[in-house]
Amino acid sequence: MGEGAYFAPELGNVYKRFGNSKEAIIAFIKSRPKEGVPGRRSMPQFNFTDEQLDAIAELLKYSSEINAGGW
């Protein structure tokens, strides 16, 4: 919970950035190229199972609902 800084995006708002859609998050993860995006540090394709993808999307949904105001 906090800033992802220069290395990664803030995970607390991923669900909202993807339109409050687990399906959009899952589709994004599935669309990653095997070696990541050329010339950028980015997430490669991990070939998660459908169960793992759902769990990741659920975690991102859960983290978006945490009231971190005032931390």
PDB file of N, CA and C in Angstrom:
ATOM      1  N   MET A   1       0.848  -1.168   0.000  1.00  0.00           N
ATOM      2  CA  MET A   1       0.000   0.000   0.000  1.00  0.00           C
ATOM      3  C   MET A   1       0.898   1.237   0.000  1.00  0.00           C
ATOM      4  N   GLY A   2       0.817   1.980  -1.020  1.00  0.00           N
ATOM      5  CA  GLY A   2       1.640   3.170  -1.147  1.00  0.00           C
ATOM      6  C   GLY A   2       2.029   3.352  -2.593  1.00  0.00           C
ATOM      7  N   GLU A   3       3.061   4.068  -2.813  1.00  0.00           N
ATOM      8  CA  GLU A   3       3.504   4.336  -4.175  1.00  0.00           C
ATOM      9  C   GLU A   3       4.374   3.211  -4.701  1.00  0.00           C
ATOM     10  N   GLY A   4       4.141   2.830  -5.929  1.00  0.00           N
ATOM     11  CA  GLY A   4       4.990   1.841  -6.575  1.00  0.00           C
ATOM     12  C   GLY A   4       6.315   2.457  -6.987  1.00  0.00           C
ATOM     13  N   ALA A   5       6.367   3.779  -6.936  1.00  0.00           N
ATOM     14  CA  ALA A   5       7.559   4.552  -7.271  1.00  0.00           C
ATOM     15  C   ALA A   5       7.987   4.319  -8.721  1.00  0.00           C
ATOM     16  N   TYR A   6       9.267   4.195  -8.953  1.00  0.00           N
ATOM     17  CA  TYR A   6       9.773   4.099 -10.320  1.00  0.00           C
ATOM     18  C   TYR A   6       9.709   2.680 -10.878  1.00  0.00           C
ATOM     19  N   PHE A   7       9.589   1.688 -10.005  1.00  0.00           N
ATOM     20  CA  PHE A   7       9.697   0.310 -10.459  1.00  0.00           C
ATOM     21  C   PHE A   7       8.370  -0.300 -10.895  1.00  0.00           C
ATOM     22  N   ALA A   8       7.289   0.057 -10.236  1.00  0.00           N
ATOM     23  CA  ALA A   8       6.009  -0.598 -10.514  1.00  0.00           C
ATOM     24  C   ALA A   8       4.853   0.351 -10.227  1.00  0.00           C
ATOM     25  N   PRO A   9       3.694   0.067 -10.794  1.00  0.00           N
ATOM     26  CA  PRO A   9       2.537   0.920 -10.519  1.00  0.00           C
ATOM     27  C   PRO A   9       2.004   0.691  -9.110  1.00  0.00           C
ATOM     28  N   GLU A  10       1.278   1.653  -8.619  1.00  0.00           N
ATOM     29  CA  GLU A  10       0.601   1.545  -7.331  1.00  0.00           C
ATOM     30  C   GLU A  10      -0.473   0.465  -7.447  1.00  0.00           C
ATOM     31  N   LEU A  11      -0.407  -0.558  -6.614  1.00  0.00           N
ATOM     32  CA  LEU A  11      -1.348  -1.669  -6.710  1.00  0.00           C
ATOM     33  C   LEU A  11      -2.698  -1.374  -6.061  1.00  0.00           C
ATOM     34  N   GLY A  12      -2.751  -0.368  -5.195  1.00  0.00           N
ATOM     35  CA  GLY A  12      -3.995  -0.042  -4.512  1.00  0.00           C
ATOM     36  C   GLY A  12      -5.068   0.528  -5.419  1.00  0.00           C
ATOM     37  N   ASN A  13      -4.698   0.967  -6.617  1.00  0.00           N
ATOM     38  CA  ASN A  13      -5.726   1.535  -7.499  1.00  0.00           C
ATOM     39  C   ASN A  13      -5.817   0.828  -8.862  1.00  0.00           C
ATOM     40  N   VAL A  14      -5.195  -0.328  -8.987  1.00  0.00           N
ATOM     41  CA  VAL A  14      -5.227  -1.058 -10.257  1.00  0.00           C
ATOM     42  C   VAL A  14      -6.660  -1.403 -10.646  1.00  0.00           C
ATOM     43  N   TYR A  15      -7.431  -1.899  -9.703  1.00  0.00           N
ATOM     44  CA  TYR A  15      -8.808  -2.301  -9.997  1.00  0.00           C
ATOM     45  C   TYR A  15      -9.612  -1.123 -10.539  1.00  0.00           C
ATOM     46  N   LYS A  16      -9.475   0.033  -9.917  1.00  0.00           N
ATOM     47  CA  LYS A  16     -10.192   1.237 -10.382  1.00  0.00           C
ATOM     48  C   LYS A  16      -9.677   1.683 -11.744  1.00  0.00           C
ATOM     49  N   ARG A  17      -8.350   1.613 -11.961  1.00  0.00           N
ATOM     50  CA  ARG A  17      -7.783   2.024 -13.251  1.00  0.00           C
ATOM     51  C   ARG A  17      -8.271   1.144 -14.395  1.00  0.00           C
ATOM     52  N   PHE A  18      -8.622  -0.102 -14.085  1.00  0.00           N
ATOM     53  CA  PHE A  18      -9.130  -1.019 -15.102  1.00  0.00           C
ATOM     54  C   PHE A  18     -10.653  -1.041 -15.123  1.00  0.00           C
ATOM     55  N   GLY A  19     -11.276   0.042 -14.678  1.00  0.00           N
ATOM     56  CA  GLY A  19     -12.722   0.184 -14.769  1.00  0.00           C
ATOM     57  C   GLY A  19     -13.504  -0.707 -13.833  1.00  0.00           C
ATOM     58  N   ASN A  20     -12.925  -1.019 -12.667  1.00  0.00           N
ATOM     59  CA  ASN A  20     -13.582  -1.887 -11.688  1.00  0.00           C
ATOM     60  C   ASN A  20     -13.978  -3.215 -12.311  1.00  0.00           C
ATOM     61  N   SER A  21     -13.065  -3.785 -13.077  1.00  0.00           N
ATOM     62  CA  SER A  21     -13.369  -5.005 -13.825  1.00  0.00           C
ATOM     63  C   SER A  21     -12.278  -6.054 -13.656  1.00  0.00           C
ATOM     64  N   LYS A  22     -12.639  -7.150 -13.001  1.00  0.00           N
ATOM     65  CA  LYS A  22     -11.696  -8.268 -12.894  1.00  0.00           C
ATOM     66  C   LYS A  22     -11.380  -8.820 -14.277  1.00  0.00           C
ATOM     67  N   GLU A  23     -12.368  -8.843 -15.153  1.00  0.00           N
ATOM     68  CA  GLU A  23     -12.169  -9.372 -16.500  1.00  0.00           C
ATOM     69  C   GLU A  23     -11.119  -8.567 -17.260  1.00  0.00           C
ATOM     70  N   ALA A  24     -11.142  -7.236 -17.092  1.00  0.00           N
ATOM     71  CA  ALA A  24     -10.161  -6.379 -17.774  1.00  0.00           C
ATOM     72  C   ALA A  24      -8.755  -6.637 -17.245  1.00  0.00           C
ATOM     73  N   ILE A  25      -8.624  -6.837 -15.939  1.00  0.00           N
ATOM     74  CA  ILE A  25      -7.318  -7.133 -15.347  1.00  0.00           C
ATOM     75  C   ILE A  25      -6.794  -8.465 -15.873  1.00  0.00           C
ATOM     76  N   ILE A  26      -7.657  -9.467 -15.888  1.00  0.00           N
ATOM     77  CA  ILE A  26      -7.269 -10.792 -16.371  1.00  0.00           C
ATOM     78  C   ILE A  26      -6.864 -10.726 -17.841  1.00  0.00           C
ATOM     79  N   ALA A  27      -7.632 -10.002 -18.649  1.00  0.00           N
ATOM     80  CA  ALA A  27      -7.304  -9.873 -20.072  1.00  0.00           C
ATOM     81  C   ALA A  27      -5.957  -9.185 -20.263  1.00  0.00           C
ATOM     82  N   PHE A  28      -5.671  -8.156 -19.460  1.00  0.00           N
ATOM     83  CA  PHE A  28      -4.394  -7.459 -19.552  1.00  0.00           C
ATOM     84  C   PHE A  28      -3.241  -8.402 -19.226  1.00  0.00           C
ATOM     85  N   ILE A  29      -3.366  -9.147 -18.147  1.00  0.00           N
ATOM     86  CA  ILE A  29      -2.302 -10.065 -17.744  1.00  0.00           C
ATOM     87  C   ILE A  29      -2.079 -11.121 -18.826  1.00  0.00           C
ATOM     88  N   LYS A  30      -3.152 -11.648 -19.374  1.00  0.00           N
ATOM     89  CA  LYS A  30      -3.035 -12.669 -20.421  1.00  0.00           C
ATOM     90  C   LYS A  30      -2.401 -12.123 -21.701  1.00  0.00           C
ATOM     91  N   SER A  31      -2.524 -10.820 -21.929  1.00  0.00           N
ATOM     92  CA  SER A  31      -2.037 -10.222 -23.179  1.00  0.00           C
ATOM     93  C   SER A  31      -0.542  -9.901 -23.176  1.00  0.00           C
ATOM     94  N   ARG A  32       0.124 -10.074 -22.057  1.00  0.00           N
ATOM     95  CA  ARG A  32       1.543  -9.718 -21.967  1.00  0.00           C
ATOM     96  C   ARG A  32       2.379 -10.612 -22.882  1.00  0.00           C
ATOM     97  N   PRO A  33       3.313  -9.993 -23.626  1.00  0.00           N
ATOM     98  CA  PRO A  33       4.212 -10.789 -24.463  1.00  0.00           C
ATOM     99  C   PRO A  33       5.095 -11.694 -23.598  1.00  0.00           C
ATOM    100  N   LYS A  34       5.541 -12.799 -24.164  1.00  0.00           N
ATOM    101  CA  LYS A  34       6.336 -13.776 -23.419  1.00  0.00           C
ATOM    102  C   LYS A  34       7.542 -13.142 -22.739  1.00  0.00           C
ATOM    103  N   GLU A  35       8.245 -12.270 -23.444  1.00  0.00           N
ATOM    104  CA  GLU A  35       9.463 -11.653 -22.901  1.00  0.00           C
ATOM    105  C   GLU A  35       9.234 -10.247 -22.364  1.00  0.00           C
ATOM    106  N   GLY A  36       7.993  -9.829 -22.236  1.00  0.00           N
ATOM    107  CA  GLY A  36       7.711  -8.470 -21.814  1.00  0.00           C
ATOM    108  C   GLY A  36       7.726  -7.541 -23.018  1.00  0.00           C
ATOM    109  N   VAL A  37       7.523  -6.273 -22.794  1.00  0.00           N
ATOM    110  CA  VAL A  37       7.504  -5.285 -23.870  1.00  0.00           C
ATOM    111  C   VAL A  37       8.941  -4.864 -24.167  1.00  0.00           C
ATOM    112  N   PRO A  38       9.408  -5.003 -25.421  1.00  0.00           N
ATOM    113  CA  PRO A  38      10.796  -4.656 -25.760  1.00  0.00           C
ATOM    114  C   PRO A  38      11.143  -3.217 -25.389  1.00  0.00           C
ATOM    115  N   GLY A  39      12.320  -3.033 -24.802  1.00  0.00           N
ATOM    116  CA  GLY A  39      12.792  -1.703 -24.455  1.00  0.00           C
ATOM    117  C   GLY A  39      12.223  -1.143 -23.171  1.00  0.00           C
ATOM    118  N   ARG A  40      11.388  -1.908 -22.497  1.00  0.00           N
ATOM    119  CA  ARG A  40      10.782  -1.435 -21.246  1.00  0.00           C
ATOM    120  C   ARG A  40      10.869  -2.520 -20.198  1.00  0.00           C
ATOM    121  N   ARG A  41      10.971  -2.082 -18.978  1.00  0.00           N
ATOM    122  CA  ARG A  41      10.820  -3.031 -17.874  1.00  0.00           C
ATOM    123  C   ARG A  41       9.333  -3.261 -17.739  1.00  0.00           C
ATOM    124  N   SER A  42       8.897  -4.428 -18.011  1.00  0.00           N
ATOM    125  CA  SER A  42       7.470  -4.685 -17.883  1.00  0.00           C
ATOM    126  C   SER A  42       7.237  -6.134 -17.505  1.00  0.00           C
ATOM    127  N   MET A  43       6.025  -6.406 -17.147  1.00  0.00           N
ATOM    128  CA  MET A  43       5.647  -7.732 -16.716  1.00  0.00           C
ATOM    129  C   MET A  43       5.643  -8.695 -17.900  1.00  0.00           C
ATOM    130  N   PRO A  44       6.388  -9.784 -17.823  1.00  0.00           N
ATOM    131  CA  PRO A  44       6.345 -10.789 -18.890  1.00  0.00           C
ATOM    132  C   PRO A  44       5.104 -11.667 -18.749  1.00  0.00           C
ATOM    133  N   GLN A  45       4.924 -12.585 -19.646  1.00  0.00           N
ATOM    134  CA  GLN A  45       3.829 -13.543 -19.578  1.00  0.00           C
ATOM    135  C   GLN A  45       4.215 -14.655 -18.602  1.00  0.00           C
ATOM    136  N   PHE A  46       3.411 -14.839 -17.583  1.00  0.00           N
ATOM    137  CA  PHE A  46       3.692 -15.869 -16.587  1.00  0.00           C
ATOM    138  C   PHE A  46       2.872 -17.134 -16.789  1.00  0.00           C
ATOM    139  N   ASN A  47       1.934 -17.121 -17.719  1.00  0.00           N
ATOM    140  CA  ASN A  47       1.088 -18.285 -17.991  1.00  0.00           C
ATOM    141  C   ASN A  47       0.369 -18.793 -16.743  1.00  0.00           C
ATOM    142  N   PHE A  48      -0.265 -17.868 -16.036  1.00  0.00           N
ATOM    143  CA  PHE A  48      -1.045 -18.228 -14.858  1.00  0.00           C
ATOM    144  C   PHE A  48      -2.243 -19.073 -15.261  1.00  0.00           C
ATOM    145  N   THR A  49      -2.696 -19.925 -14.356  1.00  0.00           N
ATOM    146  CA  THR A  49      -3.926 -20.682 -14.580  1.00  0.00           C
ATOM    147  C   THR A  49      -5.113 -19.735 -14.393  1.00  0.00           C
ATOM    148  N   ASP A  50      -6.281 -20.160 -14.835  1.00  0.00           N
ATOM    149  CA  ASP A  50      -7.478 -19.335 -14.644  1.00  0.00           C
ATOM    150  C   ASP A  50      -7.737 -19.089 -13.158  1.00  0.00           C
ATOM    151  N   GLU A  51      -7.484 -20.084 -12.336  1.00  0.00           N
ATOM    152  CA  GLU A  51      -7.669 -19.928 -10.891  1.00  0.00           C
ATOM    153  C   GLU A  51      -6.696 -18.888 -10.327  1.00  0.00           C
ATOM    154  N   GLN A  52      -5.453 -18.917 -10.766  1.00  0.00           N
ATOM    155  CA  GLN A  52      -4.461 -17.944 -10.305  1.00  0.00           C
ATOM    156  C   GLN A  52      -4.824 -16.537 -10.771  1.00  0.00           C
ATOM    157  N   LEU A  53      -5.259 -16.410 -12.018  1.00  0.00           N
ATOM    158  CA  LEU A  53      -5.650 -15.099 -12.535  1.00  0.00           C
ATOM    159  C   LEU A  53      -6.819 -14.532 -11.747  1.00  0.00           C
ATOM    160  N   ASP A  54      -7.789 -15.362 -11.425  1.00  0.00           N
ATOM    161  CA  ASP A  54      -8.920 -14.894 -10.639  1.00  0.00           C
ATOM    162  C   ASP A  54      -8.475 -14.449  -9.253  1.00  0.00           C
ATOM    163  N   ALA A  55      -7.542 -15.199  -8.647  1.00  0.00           N
ATOM    164  CA  ALA A  55      -7.036 -14.837  -7.320  1.00  0.00           C
ATOM    165  C   ALA A  55      -6.285 -13.504  -7.361  1.00  0.00           C
ATOM    166  N   ILE A  56      -5.491 -13.286  -8.396  1.00  0.00           N
ATOM    167  CA  ILE A  56      -4.770 -12.014  -8.541  1.00  0.00           C
ATOM    168  C   ILE A  56      -5.763 -10.860  -8.687  1.00  0.00           C
ATOM    169  N   ALA A  57      -6.764 -11.046  -9.543  1.00  0.00           N
ATOM    170  CA  ALA A  57      -7.768  -9.997  -9.738  1.00  0.00           C
ATOM    171  C   ALA A  57      -8.542  -9.731  -8.447  1.00  0.00           C
ATOM    172  N   GLU A  58      -8.854 -10.777  -7.698  1.00  0.00           N
ATOM    173  CA  GLU A  58      -9.540 -10.605  -6.407  1.00  0.00           C
ATOM    174  C   GLU A  58      -8.677  -9.823  -5.422  1.00  0.00           C
ATOM    175  N   LEU A  59      -7.380 -10.120  -5.383  1.00  0.00           N
ATOM    176  CA  LEU A  59      -6.467  -9.392  -4.498  1.00  0.00           C
ATOM    177  C   LEU A  59      -6.434  -7.910  -4.867  1.00  0.00           C
ATOM    178  N   LEU A  60      -6.359  -7.619  -6.160  1.00  0.00           N
ATOM    179  CA  LEU A  60      -6.328  -6.220  -6.598  1.00  0.00           C
ATOM    180  C   LEU A  60      -7.646  -5.521  -6.291  1.00  0.00           C
ATOM    181  N   LYS A  61      -8.751  -6.226  -6.427  1.00  0.00           N
ATOM    182  CA  LYS A  61     -10.067  -5.664  -6.055  1.00  0.00           C
ATOM    183  C   LYS A  61     -10.091  -5.372  -4.559  1.00  0.00           C
ATOM    184  N   TYR A  62      -9.665  -6.342  -3.758  1.00  0.00           N
ATOM    185  CA  TYR A  62      -9.634  -6.169  -2.297  1.00  0.00           C
ATOM    186  C   TYR A  62      -8.770  -4.984  -1.904  1.00  0.00           C
ATOM    187  N   SER A  63      -7.571  -4.882  -2.482  1.00  0.00           N
ATOM    188  CA  SER A  63      -6.655  -3.798  -2.096  1.00  0.00           C
ATOM    189  C   SER A  63      -7.215  -2.432  -2.480  1.00  0.00           C
ATOM    190  N   SER A  64      -8.032  -2.383  -3.526  1.00  0.00           N
ATOM    191  CA  SER A  64      -8.617  -1.105  -3.928  1.00  0.00           C
ATOM    192  C   SER A  64      -9.684  -0.620  -2.960  1.00  0.00           C
ATOM    193  N   GLU A  65     -10.207  -1.534  -2.151  1.00  0.00           N
ATOM    194  CA  GLU A  65     -11.286  -1.189  -1.218  1.00  0.00           C
ATOM    195  C   GLU A  65     -10.776  -0.804   0.160  1.00  0.00           C
ATOM    196  N   ILE A  66      -9.470  -0.872   0.386  1.00  0.00           N
ATOM    197  CA  ILE A  66      -8.888  -0.513   1.681  1.00  0.00           C
ATOM    198  C   ILE A  66      -8.790   1.002   1.777  1.00  0.00           C
ATOM    199  N   ASN A  67      -9.323   1.554   2.833  1.00  0.00           N
ATOM    200  CA  ASN A  67      -9.242   2.994   3.052  1.00  0.00           C
ATOM    201  C   ASN A  67      -7.872   3.304   3.657  1.00  0.00           C
ATOM    202  N   ALA A  68      -6.958   3.753   2.824  1.00  0.00           N
ATOM    203  CA  ALA A  68      -5.596   4.048   3.290  1.00  0.00           C
ATOM    204  C   ALA A  68      -5.417   5.533   3.597  1.00  0.00           C
ATOM    205  N   GLY A  69      -6.491   6.283   3.596  1.00  0.00           N
ATOM    206  CA  GLY A  69      -6.408   7.716   3.895  1.00  0.00           C
ATOM    207  C   GLY A  69      -5.838   7.957   5.287  1.00  0.00           C
ATOM    208  N   GLY A  70      -4.902   8.863   5.356  1.00  0.00           N
ATOM    209  CA  GLY A  70      -4.332   9.242   6.641  1.00  0.00           C
ATOM    210  C   GLY A  70      -3.203   8.337   7.131  1.00  0.00           C
ATOM    211  N   TRP A  71      -2.761   7.411   6.326  1.00  0.00           N
ATOM    212  CA  TRP A  71      -1.671   6.548   6.749  1.00  0.00           C
ATOM    213  C   TRP A  71      -0.396   7.313   6.825  1.00  0.00           C
TER     214      TRP A  71
END
